[in-house]
Amino acid sequence: MTKIETKMIVHLANQKNLKINNFLEIGSRHGLDAEYVQRGLNIEPENIHIIEAHPKFSKDIEIAYPKYNVYNFGAWNTEDIIVFNAAKDFDDGRSSLLPRDIYQRNFEQVDIKTKRIDQFILEEGIASIDACKIDVEGASFEVLEGFGENLNNVKLIQIEAEQYNIWEGQKDYSFVYSKLEEYSFKKIWEIKQGRTQLDSLWVKE
């Protein structure tokens, strides 16, 4: 079933007559959200970009969506090799680059490459990102930092944040929202998911 936040990307992009030629999903797990956006906004499949840090999940997406561009690395604010807490269960969407007490069971630690989004855009020759979905389990602030000045070119961002810290060392929603406002994004939709999670959608003013 398609999540409400994914549906809102399509709904609000159409409502505001935003021309979305490409879409970047950071933190996917299965590729279904990217497919919904691609079909809903009539984006050419070759203009869909999916970054998934989980090695197995990334491979599964690549097989399921051969026309999409799928990349296996962790979006971050530095280029490095970092320990990633990878879920063993496909239905568990809590894998993260940040530590958390739940990772003693049903998760395995793997070393993965991290990369800034501005460097990724440069390497792949992407002119700009029109719309982006960010679901990275506590690391949203670091991902936004990694965009650098490329945030100025994004038209729409859907992002997950937390009301208080769940992962060790994470930045909560106040830091995430301040970063988006710094780059002249305006929040146009928000929903609380569970006790802590906030999903919101922002457009460039």
Foldseek 3Di string as FASTA:
>chain_A
DDDPLLVVVLVVCVVVVPQAQAEEEEQDLACPSQVCNCVSNVHDQQRYEYEHQAVVSQVNNCVVRVSHHTHHAHAFQDWDWAKWWAAQDSVDRQIASFDAPVSPPRTDIDIGTYAQVCVVCVVVVPPAGAEYEYDHNQRLLRNLNSCPPSLLVYFKYKYKFWPDDRTPPGDGPVSNVVSNVVSQWDWDDWDDDPDIMIITMTGHD
